[in-house]
Amino acid sequence: MNKFVAAICFMLAASPLALAQDKAKGTEQKAAPATSQAKKEPSAKQKAQQDRMRDCNQQAGDKKLEGDARKSYMSSCLKGGGATKQTAQQDKMKTCNKQAGDKQLKGDERNKFMSACLKG
């Protein structure tokens, strides 16, 4: 009977130590993946996206865009190509507008000229 009581006392005394070891193992396992993720380098595709984001953000800042205008610009810029298409159209509009001004066109004549110029 004394051996039985001694065994139960030993088990009760040892159980908190076993529980502490299990918790320590659990935290070690959780900490290891977090550190490996922190050391992981971004892929080439991720780096390109980060660079694009940095460039678009700087351009939006240079243009002093805010609110919805900034969101719209950032969206088209990050998709790539959208900003260059818009710039080409804007350049064409500038050129046609200057030509119409040089010819001193007004009213319907100007509208017809601008339409033809922008199409061609």
N, C-alpha and C. Protein backbone atom coordinates (compact mmCIF):
# COMPACT_ATOMS: atom_id res chain seq x y z
N MET A 1 0.81 -1.17 0.00
CA MET A 1 0.00 0.00 0.00
C MET A 1 0.88 1.26 0.00
N ASN A 2 1.97 1.26 0.74
CA ASN A 2 2.87 2.40 0.80
C ASN A 2 3.47 2.69 -0.58
N LYS A 3 3.77 1.66 -1.34
CA LYS A 3 4.33 1.84 -2.68
C LYS A 3 3.30 2.49 -3.61
N PHE A 4 2.05 2.08 -3.42
CA PHE A 4 0.97 2.62 -4.23
C PHE A 4 0.78 4.12 -3.97
N VAL A 5 0.75 4.51 -2.72
CA VAL A 5 0.61 5.91 -2.33
C VAL A 5 1.83 6.70 -2.80
N ALA A 6 2.99 6.14 -2.69
CA ALA A 6 4.21 6.81 -3.12
C ALA A 6 4.17 7.02 -4.64
N ALA A 7 3.68 6.04 -5.40
CA ALA A 7 3.59 6.16 -6.85
C ALA A 7 2.61 7.26 -7.26
N ILE A 8 1.48 7.35 -6.58
CA ILE A 8 0.47 8.38 -6.89
C ILE A 8 1.04 9.76 -6.56
N CYS A 9 1.72 9.88 -5.43
CA CYS A 9 2.32 11.16 -5.05
C CYS A 9 3.36 11.59 -6.08
N PHE A 10 4.15 10.64 -6.54
CA PHE A 10 5.17 10.95 -7.54
C PHE A 10 4.53 11.42 -8.85
N MET A 11 3.46 10.75 -9.26
CA MET A 11 2.78 11.13 -10.50
C MET A 11 2.18 12.54 -10.40
N LEU A 12 1.59 12.84 -9.25
CA LEU A 12 1.00 14.16 -9.05
C LEU A 12 2.08 15.24 -9.03
N ALA A 13 3.21 14.94 -8.44
CA ALA A 13 4.29 15.91 -8.36
C ALA A 13 4.95 16.12 -9.73
N ALA A 14 5.03 15.09 -10.55
CA ALA A 14 5.72 15.15 -11.83
C ALA A 14 4.82 15.72 -12.95
N SER A 15 3.52 15.70 -12.79
CA SER A 15 2.63 16.15 -13.87
C SER A 15 2.81 17.62 -14.25
N PRO A 16 3.01 18.57 -13.31
CA PRO A 16 3.25 19.96 -13.74
C PRO A 16 4.53 20.11 -14.55
N LEU A 17 5.55 19.32 -14.24
CA LEU A 17 6.78 19.40 -15.01
C LEU A 17 6.57 18.91 -16.43
N ALA A 18 5.81 17.85 -16.59
CA ALA A 18 5.52 17.33 -17.92
C ALA A 18 4.70 18.34 -18.71
N LEU A 19 3.76 18.99 -18.07
CA LEU A 19 2.93 19.98 -18.73
C LEU A 19 3.78 21.18 -19.16
N ALA A 20 4.71 21.61 -18.34
CA ALA A 20 5.58 22.73 -18.67
C ALA A 20 6.46 22.39 -19.87
N GLN A 21 6.94 21.14 -19.93
CA GLN A 21 7.76 20.74 -21.07
C GLN A 21 6.95 20.74 -22.35
N ASP A 22 5.69 20.30 -22.30
CA ASP A 22 4.83 20.30 -23.47
C ASP A 22 4.58 21.72 -23.97
N LYS A 23 4.37 22.64 -23.04
CA LYS A 23 4.14 24.03 -23.42
C LYS A 23 5.40 24.63 -24.05
N ALA A 24 6.55 24.30 -23.49
CA ALA A 24 7.81 24.82 -24.02
C ALA A 24 8.03 24.29 -25.44
N LYS A 25 7.72 23.04 -25.66
CA LYS A 25 7.86 22.47 -27.01
C LYS A 25 6.91 23.16 -27.97
N GLY A 26 5.71 23.45 -27.51
CA GLY A 26 4.72 24.12 -28.36
C GLY A 26 5.17 25.50 -28.78
N THR A 27 5.79 26.25 -27.88
CA THR A 27 6.24 27.60 -28.23
C THR A 27 7.45 27.54 -29.15
N GLU A 28 8.30 26.55 -28.99
CA GLU A 28 9.45 26.41 -29.88
C GLU A 28 8.99 26.12 -31.29
N GLN A 29 7.97 25.27 -31.42
CA GLN A 29 7.48 24.92 -32.74
C GLN A 29 6.80 26.12 -33.39
N LYS A 30 6.11 26.93 -32.62
CA LYS A 30 5.44 28.09 -33.18
C LYS A 30 6.44 29.17 -33.55
N ALA A 31 7.51 29.31 -32.81
CA ALA A 31 8.49 30.36 -33.06
C ALA A 31 9.31 30.04 -34.30
N ALA A 32 9.59 28.78 -34.56
CA ALA A 32 10.43 28.42 -35.68
C ALA A 32 9.84 28.85 -37.02
N PRO A 33 8.56 28.59 -37.32
CA PRO A 33 8.05 29.03 -38.61
C PRO A 33 8.03 30.55 -38.77
N ALA A 34 7.78 31.28 -37.70
CA ALA A 34 7.74 32.74 -37.78
C ALA A 34 9.11 33.30 -38.17
N THR A 35 10.17 32.75 -37.61
CA THR A 35 11.50 33.25 -37.94
C THR A 35 11.88 32.86 -39.36
N SER A 36 11.45 31.70 -39.83
CA SER A 36 11.80 31.31 -41.19
C SER A 36 11.05 32.16 -42.19
N GLN A 37 9.83 32.61 -41.85
CA GLN A 37 9.08 33.47 -42.75
C GLN A 37 9.71 34.87 -42.79
N ALA A 38 10.22 35.33 -41.68
CA ALA A 38 10.82 36.65 -41.63
C ALA A 38 12.09 36.70 -42.48
N LYS A 39 12.80 35.60 -42.57
CA LYS A 39 14.04 35.54 -43.32
C LYS A 39 13.81 35.29 -44.80
N LYS A 40 12.61 34.89 -45.19
CA LYS A 40 12.32 34.54 -46.57
C LYS A 40 12.39 35.78 -47.46
N GLU A 41 13.13 35.69 -48.54
CA GLU A 41 13.27 36.78 -49.49
C GLU A 41 12.07 36.78 -50.44
N PRO A 42 11.60 37.97 -50.86
CA PRO A 42 10.49 38.01 -51.81
C PRO A 42 10.94 37.50 -53.18
N SER A 43 9.99 36.94 -53.91
CA SER A 43 10.30 36.42 -55.24
C SER A 43 10.52 37.58 -56.20
N ALA A 44 10.98 37.26 -57.39
CA ALA A 44 11.22 38.30 -58.39
C ALA A 44 9.91 39.01 -58.75
N LYS A 45 8.84 38.25 -58.82
CA LYS A 45 7.54 38.83 -59.14
C LYS A 45 7.09 39.78 -58.03
N GLN A 46 7.32 39.39 -56.78
CA GLN A 46 6.96 40.24 -55.65
C GLN A 46 7.81 41.51 -55.63
N LYS A 47 9.09 41.37 -55.94
CA LYS A 47 9.96 42.55 -55.98
C LYS A 47 9.52 43.51 -57.07
N ALA A 48 9.12 42.97 -58.23
CA ALA A 48 8.66 43.81 -59.32
C ALA A 48 7.39 44.58 -58.91
N GLN A 49 6.48 43.89 -58.23
CA GLN A 49 5.25 44.53 -57.76
C GLN A 49 5.57 45.61 -56.73
N GLN A 50 6.52 45.34 -55.84
CA GLN A 50 6.92 46.34 -54.85
C GLN A 50 7.52 47.57 -55.52
N ASP A 51 8.36 47.34 -56.54
CA ASP A 51 8.96 48.46 -57.27
C ASP A 51 7.89 49.28 -57.99
N ARG A 52 6.94 48.57 -58.62
CA ARG A 52 5.86 49.24 -59.32
C ARG A 52 5.03 50.08 -58.34
N MET A 53 4.76 49.51 -57.17
CA MET A 53 3.99 50.21 -56.15
C MET A 53 4.73 51.47 -55.70
N ARG A 54 6.03 51.35 -55.49
CA ARG A 54 6.84 52.49 -55.06
C ARG A 54 6.82 53.58 -56.12
N ASP A 55 7.01 53.20 -57.40
CA ASP A 55 7.03 54.17 -58.49
C ASP A 55 5.68 54.87 -58.66
N CYS A 56 4.61 54.08 -58.66
CA CYS A 56 3.27 54.66 -58.83
C CYS A 56 2.94 55.60 -57.67
N ASN A 57 3.31 55.19 -56.47
CA ASN A 57 3.05 56.02 -55.29
C ASN A 57 3.80 57.34 -55.38
N GLN A 58 5.04 57.29 -55.84
CA GLN A 58 5.83 58.51 -55.98
C GLN A 58 5.23 59.42 -57.05
N GLN A 59 4.80 58.84 -58.17
CA GLN A 59 4.20 59.63 -59.25
C GLN A 59 2.91 60.29 -58.78
N ALA A 60 2.10 59.54 -58.03
CA ALA A 60 0.85 60.10 -57.50
C ALA A 60 1.15 61.24 -56.53
N GLY A 61 2.21 61.10 -55.76
CA GLY A 61 2.62 62.16 -54.85
C GLY A 61 3.11 63.39 -55.59
N ASP A 62 3.87 63.16 -56.67
CA ASP A 62 4.36 64.28 -57.48
C ASP A 62 3.21 65.06 -58.11
N LYS A 63 2.16 64.33 -58.48
CA LYS A 63 0.98 64.98 -59.08
C LYS A 63 0.03 65.54 -58.03
N LYS A 64 0.36 65.31 -56.77
CA LYS A 64 -0.45 65.78 -55.63
C LYS A 64 -1.89 65.29 -55.71
N LEU A 65 -2.05 64.02 -56.07
CA LEU A 65 -3.39 63.43 -56.16
C LEU A 65 -3.84 63.00 -54.77
N GLU A 66 -5.14 63.15 -54.51
CA GLU A 66 -5.71 62.75 -53.23
C GLU A 66 -7.06 62.09 -53.45
N GLY A 67 -7.48 61.30 -52.49
CA GLY A 67 -8.82 60.71 -52.50
C GLY A 67 -9.07 59.77 -53.66
N ASP A 68 -10.25 59.93 -54.28
CA ASP A 68 -10.65 59.04 -55.38
C ASP A 68 -9.74 59.17 -56.59
N ALA A 69 -9.26 60.36 -56.86
CA ALA A 69 -8.36 60.56 -58.00
C ALA A 69 -7.08 59.76 -57.80
N ARG A 70 -6.57 59.74 -56.58
CA ARG A 70 -5.35 58.98 -56.28
C ARG A 70 -5.61 57.48 -56.41
N LYS A 71 -6.74 57.03 -55.86
CA LYS A 71 -7.09 55.61 -55.95
C LYS A 71 -7.19 55.16 -57.40
N SER A 72 -7.86 55.97 -58.21
CA SER A 72 -8.04 55.64 -59.62
C SER A 72 -6.69 55.60 -60.34
N TYR A 73 -5.86 56.60 -60.06
CA TYR A 73 -4.53 56.63 -60.69
C TYR A 73 -3.69 55.43 -60.27
N MET A 74 -3.68 55.14 -58.98
CA MET A 74 -2.89 54.01 -58.47
C MET A 74 -3.36 52.70 -59.10
N SER A 75 -4.67 52.54 -59.22
CA SER A 75 -5.21 51.31 -59.80
C SER A 75 -4.73 51.14 -61.24
N SER A 76 -4.87 52.18 -62.05
CA SER A 76 -4.45 52.07 -63.45
C SER A 76 -2.93 51.94 -63.56
N CYS A 77 -2.21 52.62 -62.71
CA CYS A 77 -0.75 52.55 -62.75
C CYS A 77 -0.25 51.15 -62.37
N LEU A 78 -0.85 50.57 -61.33
CA LEU A 78 -0.40 49.26 -60.88
C LEU A 78 -0.75 48.15 -61.86
N LYS A 79 -1.80 48.35 -62.64
CA LYS A 79 -2.15 47.36 -63.67
C LYS A 79 -1.12 47.39 -64.78
N GLY A 80 -0.45 48.50 -64.91
CA GLY A 80 0.60 48.63 -65.92
C GLY A 80 -0.01 48.92 -67.27
N GLY A 81 0.62 49.80 -68.02
CA GLY A 81 0.15 50.11 -69.36
C GLY A 81 -0.99 51.11 -69.38
N GLY A 82 -1.82 51.12 -68.37
CA GLY A 82 -2.95 52.05 -68.34
C GLY A 82 -2.49 53.49 -68.35
N ALA A 83 -1.46 53.79 -67.62
CA ALA A 83 -0.96 55.15 -67.53
C ALA A 83 -0.35 55.60 -68.86
N THR A 84 0.34 54.70 -69.57
CA THR A 84 0.96 55.07 -70.84
C THR A 84 -0.10 55.29 -71.91
N LYS A 85 -1.17 54.51 -71.92
CA LYS A 85 -2.25 54.71 -72.89
C LYS A 85 -2.89 56.08 -72.66
N GLN A 86 -3.11 56.42 -71.41
CA GLN A 86 -3.73 57.69 -71.09
C GLN A 86 -2.81 58.83 -71.52
N THR A 87 -1.54 58.69 -71.31
CA THR A 87 -0.59 59.72 -71.68
C THR A 87 -0.54 59.90 -73.19
N ALA A 88 -0.59 58.82 -73.95
CA ALA A 88 -0.58 58.90 -75.41
C ALA A 88 -1.82 59.64 -75.90
N GLN A 89 -2.97 59.32 -75.31
CA GLN A 89 -4.21 60.00 -75.69
C GLN A 89 -4.15 61.48 -75.32
N GLN A 90 -3.58 61.77 -74.18
CA GLN A 90 -3.45 63.17 -73.75
C GLN A 90 -2.52 63.94 -74.69
N ASP A 91 -1.42 63.29 -75.09
CA ASP A 91 -0.49 63.94 -76.02
C ASP A 91 -1.17 64.24 -77.35
N LYS A 92 -1.97 63.29 -77.83
CA LYS A 92 -2.68 63.47 -79.08
C LYS A 92 -3.67 64.64 -78.96
N MET A 93 -4.37 64.69 -77.83
CA MET A 93 -5.34 65.76 -77.59
C MET A 93 -4.63 67.11 -77.57
N LYS A 94 -3.47 67.17 -76.93
CA LYS A 94 -2.70 68.42 -76.87
C LYS A 94 -2.30 68.89 -78.26
N THR A 95 -1.79 67.94 -79.05
CA THR A 95 -1.34 68.27 -80.40
C THR A 95 -2.49 68.80 -81.26
N CYS A 96 -3.61 68.08 -81.24
CA CYS A 96 -4.76 68.48 -82.04
C CYS A 96 -5.31 69.83 -81.58
N ASN A 97 -5.35 70.03 -80.28
CA ASN A 97 -5.84 71.28 -79.72
C ASN A 97 -4.96 72.45 -80.15
N LYS A 98 -3.65 72.23 -80.16
CA LYS A 98 -2.72 73.28 -80.57
C LYS A 98 -2.91 73.60 -82.05
N GLN A 99 -3.08 72.57 -82.88
CA GLN A 99 -3.28 72.78 -84.31
C GLN A 99 -4.57 73.56 -84.57
N ALA A 100 -5.63 73.21 -83.84
CA ALA A 100 -6.90 73.92 -84.01
C ALA A 100 -6.76 75.37 -83.57
N GLY A 101 -5.99 75.62 -82.52
CA GLY A 101 -5.74 77.00 -82.07
C GLY A 101 -4.93 77.79 -83.07
N ASP A 102 -3.93 77.13 -83.68
CA ASP A 102 -3.10 77.80 -84.67
C ASP A 102 -3.93 78.20 -85.90
N LYS A 103 -4.91 77.37 -86.25
CA LYS A 103 -5.78 77.65 -87.40
C LYS A 103 -6.93 78.59 -87.02
N GLN A 104 -7.01 78.92 -85.75
CA GLN A 104 -8.06 79.79 -85.21
C GLN A 104 -9.45 79.28 -85.55
N LEU A 105 -9.63 77.96 -85.40
CA LEU A 105 -10.93 77.35 -85.67
C LEU A 105 -11.83 77.53 -84.47
N LYS A 106 -13.16 77.73 -84.75
CA LYS A 106 -14.13 77.90 -83.68
C LYS A 106 -15.42 77.17 -84.04
N GLY A 107 -16.19 76.85 -83.02
CA GLY A 107 -17.52 76.26 -83.21
C GLY A 107 -17.49 74.90 -83.89
N ASP A 108 -18.39 74.74 -84.88
CA ASP A 108 -18.52 73.46 -85.58
C ASP A 108 -17.26 73.08 -86.33
N GLU A 109 -16.59 74.07 -86.92
CA GLU A 109 -15.35 73.79 -87.65
C GLU A 109 -14.30 73.17 -86.72
N ARG A 110 -14.19 73.75 -85.53
CA ARG A 110 -13.22 73.23 -84.55
C ARG A 110 -13.61 71.81 -84.13
N ASN A 111 -14.89 71.57 -83.86
CA ASN A 111 -15.35 70.24 -83.45
C ASN A 111 -15.06 69.20 -84.53
N LYS A 112 -15.32 69.53 -85.78
CA LYS A 112 -15.05 68.61 -86.89
C LYS A 112 -13.55 68.32 -87.00
N PHE A 113 -12.77 69.38 -86.91
CA PHE A 113 -11.32 69.21 -87.01
C PHE A 113 -10.79 68.34 -85.86
N MET A 114 -11.23 68.63 -84.66
CA MET A 114 -10.77 67.86 -83.49
C MET A 114 -11.16 66.39 -83.62
N SER A 115 -12.37 66.15 -84.07
CA SER A 115 -12.83 64.77 -84.24
C SER A 115 -11.96 64.02 -85.24
N ALA A 116 -11.73 64.65 -86.38
CA ALA A 116 -10.91 64.03 -87.42
C ALA A 116 -9.47 63.84 -86.93
N CYS A 117 -8.95 64.83 -86.26
CA CYS A 117 -7.56 64.77 -85.77
C CYS A 117 -7.39 63.66 -84.75
N LEU A 118 -8.33 63.54 -83.83
CA LEU A 118 -8.21 62.52 -82.78
C LEU A 118 -8.42 61.11 -83.31
N LYS A 119 -9.21 60.96 -84.37
CA LYS A 119 -9.41 59.64 -84.96
C LYS A 119 -8.19 59.20 -85.74
N GLY A 120 -7.56 60.13 -86.43
CA GLY A 120 -6.47 59.79 -87.32
C GLY A 120 -5.19 59.90 -86.66
